[in-house]
N, C-alpha and C. Protein backbone atom coordinates (compact mmCIF):
# COMPACT_ATOMS: atom_id res chain seq x y z
N MET A 1 -63.20 -16.27 10.06
CA MET A 1 -63.74 -17.08 8.99
C MET A 1 -63.96 -16.22 7.75
N LEU A 2 -63.87 -16.87 6.61
CA LEU A 2 -64.14 -16.23 5.33
C LEU A 2 -65.26 -17.01 4.66
N TYR A 3 -66.32 -16.33 4.29
CA TYR A 3 -67.47 -16.96 3.65
C TYR A 3 -67.49 -16.55 2.18
N ASP A 4 -67.52 -17.53 1.30
CA ASP A 4 -67.58 -17.28 -0.14
C ASP A 4 -69.03 -17.49 -0.56
N HIS A 5 -69.73 -16.38 -0.76
CA HIS A 5 -71.16 -16.37 -1.09
C HIS A 5 -71.29 -16.22 -2.60
N ARG A 6 -71.86 -17.23 -3.26
CA ARG A 6 -71.95 -17.23 -4.72
C ARG A 6 -73.41 -17.39 -5.15
N THR A 7 -73.83 -16.53 -6.06
CA THR A 7 -75.17 -16.63 -6.63
C THR A 7 -75.04 -16.78 -8.13
N TYR A 8 -75.70 -17.80 -8.66
CA TYR A 8 -75.69 -18.08 -10.09
C TYR A 8 -77.09 -17.88 -10.63
N THR A 9 -77.20 -17.26 -11.79
CA THR A 9 -78.49 -17.07 -12.44
C THR A 9 -78.50 -17.88 -13.73
N CYS A 10 -79.59 -18.62 -13.92
CA CYS A 10 -79.77 -19.48 -15.11
C CYS A 10 -80.77 -18.85 -16.07
N ARG A 11 -80.68 -19.25 -17.32
CA ARG A 11 -81.70 -18.86 -18.28
C ARG A 11 -83.04 -19.42 -17.78
N PRO A 12 -84.14 -18.71 -18.01
CA PRO A 12 -85.44 -19.22 -17.56
C PRO A 12 -85.68 -20.64 -18.05
N GLY A 13 -86.17 -21.47 -17.14
CA GLY A 13 -86.49 -22.85 -17.46
C GLY A 13 -85.31 -23.82 -17.40
N THR A 14 -84.13 -23.33 -17.02
CA THR A 14 -82.96 -24.21 -17.02
C THR A 14 -82.37 -24.43 -15.63
N LEU A 15 -83.00 -23.93 -14.60
CA LEU A 15 -82.45 -24.10 -13.25
C LEU A 15 -82.36 -25.57 -12.87
N LYS A 16 -83.43 -26.31 -13.05
CA LYS A 16 -83.42 -27.73 -12.67
C LYS A 16 -82.41 -28.53 -13.49
N PRO A 17 -82.32 -28.34 -14.81
CA PRO A 17 -81.28 -29.07 -15.56
C PRO A 17 -79.86 -28.68 -15.12
N GLN A 18 -79.65 -27.41 -14.78
CA GLN A 18 -78.33 -26.98 -14.31
C GLN A 18 -77.98 -27.68 -13.00
N LEU A 19 -78.92 -27.71 -12.07
CA LEU A 19 -78.65 -28.36 -10.79
C LEU A 19 -78.45 -29.87 -10.96
N ALA A 20 -79.17 -30.48 -11.87
CA ALA A 20 -78.99 -31.91 -12.14
C ALA A 20 -77.61 -32.18 -12.74
N LEU A 21 -77.16 -31.31 -13.62
CA LEU A 21 -75.83 -31.42 -14.20
C LEU A 21 -74.76 -31.29 -13.12
N TYR A 22 -74.93 -30.31 -12.25
CA TYR A 22 -73.99 -30.11 -11.15
C TYR A 22 -73.98 -31.32 -10.21
N GLU A 23 -75.16 -31.81 -9.87
CA GLU A 23 -75.23 -32.96 -8.96
C GLU A 23 -74.52 -34.18 -9.56
N ALA A 24 -74.70 -34.39 -10.86
CA ALA A 24 -74.11 -35.56 -11.52
C ALA A 24 -72.61 -35.43 -11.73
N PHE A 25 -72.12 -34.23 -12.02
CA PHE A 25 -70.72 -34.09 -12.43
C PHE A 25 -69.86 -33.16 -11.56
N GLY A 26 -70.47 -32.29 -10.77
CA GLY A 26 -69.68 -31.31 -10.02
C GLY A 26 -69.68 -31.46 -8.52
N TRP A 27 -70.78 -31.91 -7.96
CA TRP A 27 -70.98 -31.96 -6.50
C TRP A 27 -69.87 -32.72 -5.79
N ALA A 28 -69.59 -33.94 -6.19
CA ALA A 28 -68.57 -34.75 -5.51
C ALA A 28 -67.19 -34.13 -5.64
N ALA A 29 -66.86 -33.65 -6.82
CA ALA A 29 -65.53 -33.05 -7.03
C ALA A 29 -65.37 -31.79 -6.20
N GLN A 30 -66.38 -30.97 -6.13
CA GLN A 30 -66.28 -29.73 -5.37
C GLN A 30 -66.18 -30.02 -3.88
N ARG A 31 -66.98 -30.92 -3.38
CA ARG A 31 -66.93 -31.27 -1.95
C ARG A 31 -65.61 -31.91 -1.58
N LYS A 32 -65.00 -32.66 -2.50
CA LYS A 32 -63.71 -33.28 -2.24
C LYS A 32 -62.66 -32.23 -1.87
N HIS A 33 -62.74 -31.06 -2.46
CA HIS A 33 -61.74 -30.01 -2.23
C HIS A 33 -62.20 -28.94 -1.25
N LEU A 34 -63.48 -28.60 -1.29
CA LEU A 34 -63.97 -27.48 -0.47
C LEU A 34 -64.68 -27.92 0.79
N GLY A 35 -65.00 -29.20 0.93
CA GLY A 35 -65.79 -29.66 2.06
C GLY A 35 -67.26 -29.42 1.80
N ASP A 36 -68.06 -29.55 2.84
CA ASP A 36 -69.49 -29.29 2.69
C ASP A 36 -69.78 -27.81 2.78
N PRO A 37 -70.66 -27.30 1.92
CA PRO A 37 -71.00 -25.88 2.00
C PRO A 37 -71.85 -25.59 3.24
N LEU A 38 -71.82 -24.36 3.67
CA LEU A 38 -72.69 -23.91 4.76
C LEU A 38 -74.14 -23.85 4.27
N LEU A 39 -74.30 -23.51 2.98
CA LEU A 39 -75.63 -23.36 2.39
C LEU A 39 -75.55 -23.70 0.91
N TYR A 40 -76.56 -24.38 0.42
CA TYR A 40 -76.74 -24.59 -1.02
C TYR A 40 -78.25 -24.54 -1.22
N ALA A 41 -78.77 -23.50 -1.88
CA ALA A 41 -80.22 -23.30 -1.93
C ALA A 41 -80.67 -22.66 -3.22
N MET A 42 -81.93 -22.96 -3.60
CA MET A 42 -82.57 -22.30 -4.74
C MET A 42 -83.37 -21.11 -4.21
N THR A 43 -83.53 -20.12 -5.06
CA THR A 43 -84.32 -18.95 -4.70
C THR A 43 -85.80 -19.29 -4.75
N GLU A 44 -86.50 -18.98 -3.67
CA GLU A 44 -87.94 -19.26 -3.58
C GLU A 44 -88.76 -18.07 -4.09
N THR A 45 -88.30 -16.85 -3.80
CA THR A 45 -88.98 -15.65 -4.29
C THR A 45 -87.91 -14.73 -4.87
N GLY A 46 -88.34 -13.74 -5.63
CA GLY A 46 -87.37 -12.88 -6.30
C GLY A 46 -86.99 -13.53 -7.62
N ASN A 47 -85.69 -13.54 -7.94
CA ASN A 47 -85.24 -14.16 -9.18
C ASN A 47 -85.23 -15.67 -9.01
N VAL A 48 -86.32 -16.31 -9.41
CA VAL A 48 -86.47 -17.74 -9.20
C VAL A 48 -85.63 -18.58 -10.15
N ASN A 49 -84.85 -17.94 -10.98
CA ASN A 49 -83.93 -18.64 -11.88
C ASN A 49 -82.52 -18.69 -11.30
N SER A 50 -82.40 -18.55 -9.99
CA SER A 50 -81.06 -18.48 -9.39
C SER A 50 -80.92 -19.43 -8.21
N TYR A 51 -79.67 -19.70 -7.89
CA TYR A 51 -79.34 -20.50 -6.71
C TYR A 51 -78.09 -19.94 -6.08
N THR A 52 -77.94 -20.22 -4.80
CA THR A 52 -76.84 -19.65 -4.02
C THR A 52 -76.17 -20.75 -3.22
N HIS A 53 -74.86 -20.63 -3.08
CA HIS A 53 -74.16 -21.49 -2.14
C HIS A 53 -73.11 -20.68 -1.41
N VAL A 54 -72.81 -21.13 -0.19
CA VAL A 54 -71.85 -20.44 0.68
C VAL A 54 -70.84 -21.47 1.17
N TRP A 55 -69.56 -21.21 0.92
CA TRP A 55 -68.46 -22.07 1.35
C TRP A 55 -67.70 -21.34 2.44
N VAL A 56 -67.17 -22.08 3.40
CA VAL A 56 -66.49 -21.48 4.55
C VAL A 56 -65.01 -21.86 4.52
N TYR A 57 -64.16 -20.86 4.74
CA TYR A 57 -62.71 -21.05 4.77
C TYR A 57 -62.15 -20.40 6.02
N ARG A 58 -60.98 -20.88 6.45
CA ARG A 58 -60.32 -20.25 7.60
C ARG A 58 -59.92 -18.82 7.27
N ASP A 59 -59.38 -18.62 6.07
CA ASP A 59 -58.91 -17.31 5.64
C ASP A 59 -58.70 -17.34 4.13
N ALA A 60 -58.17 -16.25 3.58
CA ALA A 60 -57.98 -16.15 2.13
C ALA A 60 -56.98 -17.19 1.62
N ALA A 61 -55.95 -17.49 2.39
CA ALA A 61 -54.96 -18.47 1.96
C ALA A 61 -55.58 -19.87 1.89
N ASP A 62 -56.42 -20.21 2.86
CA ASP A 62 -57.11 -21.50 2.85
C ASP A 62 -58.00 -21.60 1.60
N ARG A 63 -58.73 -20.53 1.32
CA ARG A 63 -59.59 -20.50 0.14
C ARG A 63 -58.77 -20.67 -1.13
N ALA A 64 -57.70 -19.93 -1.26
CA ALA A 64 -56.87 -19.99 -2.47
C ALA A 64 -56.31 -21.39 -2.68
N GLY A 65 -55.82 -22.02 -1.62
CA GLY A 65 -55.25 -23.35 -1.74
C GLY A 65 -56.26 -24.40 -2.14
N ARG A 66 -57.43 -24.37 -1.50
CA ARG A 66 -58.45 -25.37 -1.81
C ARG A 66 -59.02 -25.18 -3.20
N ARG A 67 -59.22 -23.92 -3.59
CA ARG A 67 -59.75 -23.67 -4.94
C ARG A 67 -58.73 -24.02 -6.01
N ALA A 68 -57.44 -23.79 -5.75
CA ALA A 68 -56.41 -24.16 -6.72
C ALA A 68 -56.40 -25.67 -6.94
N ALA A 69 -56.53 -26.42 -5.87
CA ALA A 69 -56.56 -27.89 -5.99
C ALA A 69 -57.79 -28.32 -6.79
N MET A 70 -58.93 -27.70 -6.53
CA MET A 70 -60.14 -28.04 -7.26
C MET A 70 -59.99 -27.71 -8.75
N LEU A 71 -59.42 -26.56 -9.06
CA LEU A 71 -59.28 -26.13 -10.45
C LEU A 71 -58.27 -26.98 -11.22
N ALA A 72 -57.48 -27.78 -10.52
CA ALA A 72 -56.53 -28.69 -11.16
C ALA A 72 -57.09 -30.11 -11.26
N ASP A 73 -58.26 -30.35 -10.72
CA ASP A 73 -58.86 -31.68 -10.67
C ASP A 73 -59.59 -31.98 -11.99
N PRO A 74 -59.18 -33.03 -12.72
CA PRO A 74 -59.85 -33.36 -13.99
C PRO A 74 -61.35 -33.60 -13.84
N GLU A 75 -61.77 -34.15 -12.71
CA GLU A 75 -63.21 -34.38 -12.49
C GLU A 75 -63.96 -33.05 -12.45
N TRP A 76 -63.41 -32.04 -11.76
CA TRP A 76 -64.03 -30.72 -11.70
C TRP A 76 -64.02 -30.06 -13.07
N LEU A 77 -62.92 -30.20 -13.79
CA LEU A 77 -62.81 -29.59 -15.12
C LEU A 77 -63.81 -30.21 -16.10
N THR A 78 -64.12 -31.49 -15.93
CA THR A 78 -65.15 -32.12 -16.75
C THR A 78 -66.49 -31.45 -16.50
N TYR A 79 -66.81 -31.20 -15.22
CA TYR A 79 -68.07 -30.51 -14.91
C TYR A 79 -68.09 -29.11 -15.53
N VAL A 80 -67.00 -28.37 -15.37
CA VAL A 80 -66.94 -27.00 -15.91
C VAL A 80 -67.19 -27.01 -17.42
N GLN A 81 -66.58 -27.96 -18.11
CA GLN A 81 -66.77 -28.07 -19.55
C GLN A 81 -68.22 -28.41 -19.90
N LYS A 82 -68.80 -29.38 -19.20
CA LYS A 82 -70.18 -29.77 -19.47
C LYS A 82 -71.15 -28.61 -19.18
N SER A 83 -70.86 -27.87 -18.12
CA SER A 83 -71.71 -26.73 -17.78
C SER A 83 -71.62 -25.65 -18.87
N ALA A 84 -70.42 -25.38 -19.34
CA ALA A 84 -70.25 -24.39 -20.41
C ALA A 84 -70.97 -24.83 -21.69
N GLU A 85 -70.85 -26.11 -22.03
CA GLU A 85 -71.51 -26.63 -23.23
C GLU A 85 -73.03 -26.54 -23.11
N ALA A 86 -73.56 -26.78 -21.92
CA ALA A 86 -75.01 -26.72 -21.72
C ALA A 86 -75.53 -25.30 -21.89
N GLY A 87 -74.77 -24.32 -21.44
CA GLY A 87 -75.15 -22.93 -21.62
C GLY A 87 -76.30 -22.45 -20.75
N TYR A 88 -76.53 -23.12 -19.63
CA TYR A 88 -77.64 -22.74 -18.76
C TYR A 88 -77.37 -21.47 -17.96
N LEU A 89 -76.11 -21.22 -17.62
CA LEU A 89 -75.78 -20.10 -16.74
C LEU A 89 -75.70 -18.79 -17.50
N VAL A 90 -76.30 -17.76 -16.90
CA VAL A 90 -76.30 -16.42 -17.47
C VAL A 90 -75.30 -15.53 -16.75
N SER A 91 -75.26 -15.64 -15.41
CA SER A 91 -74.37 -14.78 -14.64
C SER A 91 -73.99 -15.44 -13.32
N GLN A 92 -72.95 -14.87 -12.73
CA GLN A 92 -72.44 -15.34 -11.44
C GLN A 92 -72.03 -14.11 -10.65
N GLU A 93 -72.40 -14.08 -9.38
CA GLU A 93 -71.99 -13.00 -8.48
C GLU A 93 -71.34 -13.62 -7.26
N ASN A 94 -70.13 -13.19 -6.94
CA ASN A 94 -69.39 -13.69 -5.78
C ASN A 94 -69.20 -12.57 -4.78
N LYS A 95 -69.33 -12.92 -3.51
CA LYS A 95 -69.03 -11.99 -2.42
C LYS A 95 -68.22 -12.74 -1.39
N LEU A 96 -67.14 -12.14 -0.93
CA LEU A 96 -66.38 -12.70 0.19
C LEU A 96 -66.78 -11.94 1.43
N LEU A 97 -67.25 -12.66 2.44
CA LEU A 97 -67.78 -12.06 3.66
C LEU A 97 -66.95 -12.50 4.86
N VAL A 98 -66.87 -11.63 5.86
CA VAL A 98 -66.19 -11.96 7.11
C VAL A 98 -67.15 -11.74 8.27
N ASP A 99 -66.86 -12.39 9.39
CA ASP A 99 -67.70 -12.29 10.59
C ASP A 99 -67.69 -10.87 11.16
N VAL A 100 -68.78 -10.52 11.82
CA VAL A 100 -68.81 -9.30 12.62
C VAL A 100 -68.50 -9.71 14.06
N PRO A 101 -67.94 -8.81 14.86
CA PRO A 101 -67.47 -9.20 16.21
C PRO A 101 -68.54 -9.75 17.14
N PHE A 102 -69.80 -9.31 17.01
CA PHE A 102 -70.81 -9.70 18.00
C PHE A 102 -71.59 -10.96 17.63
N PHE A 103 -71.28 -11.57 16.49
CA PHE A 103 -72.01 -12.76 16.05
C PHE A 103 -71.06 -13.93 15.96
N PRO A 104 -71.35 -15.04 16.63
CA PRO A 104 -70.42 -16.17 16.63
C PRO A 104 -70.32 -16.83 15.24
N ALA A 105 -69.11 -17.21 14.88
CA ALA A 105 -68.88 -17.86 13.59
C ALA A 105 -69.59 -19.21 13.53
N ARG A 106 -70.06 -19.56 12.34
CA ARG A 106 -70.70 -20.87 12.12
C ARG A 106 -70.07 -21.47 10.87
N GLY A 107 -69.87 -22.74 10.91
CA GLY A 107 -69.35 -23.40 9.72
C GLY A 107 -67.96 -23.93 9.90
């Protein structure tokens, strides 16, 4: 399995508007191509202006194919444009993770 772990940081005070924007314009389009995430969560302690989501893929080719389809979807592109116009996001950190042998895969 390949886990795509993404953390986004918002300008202070804009986390809730960013998540509302995503829910209204991005959630359905992203799930249509990527399926349900393993995790979608807000930070409770630490940098409370951030949220994280984890998507699960069979391998790098599966990830590339599904993301390419999403990036060609006009509905997803509408969300990306609205998000850029809102200007809530400050940074994004992506990590691709793989299973360790002694822990069973989930997702």
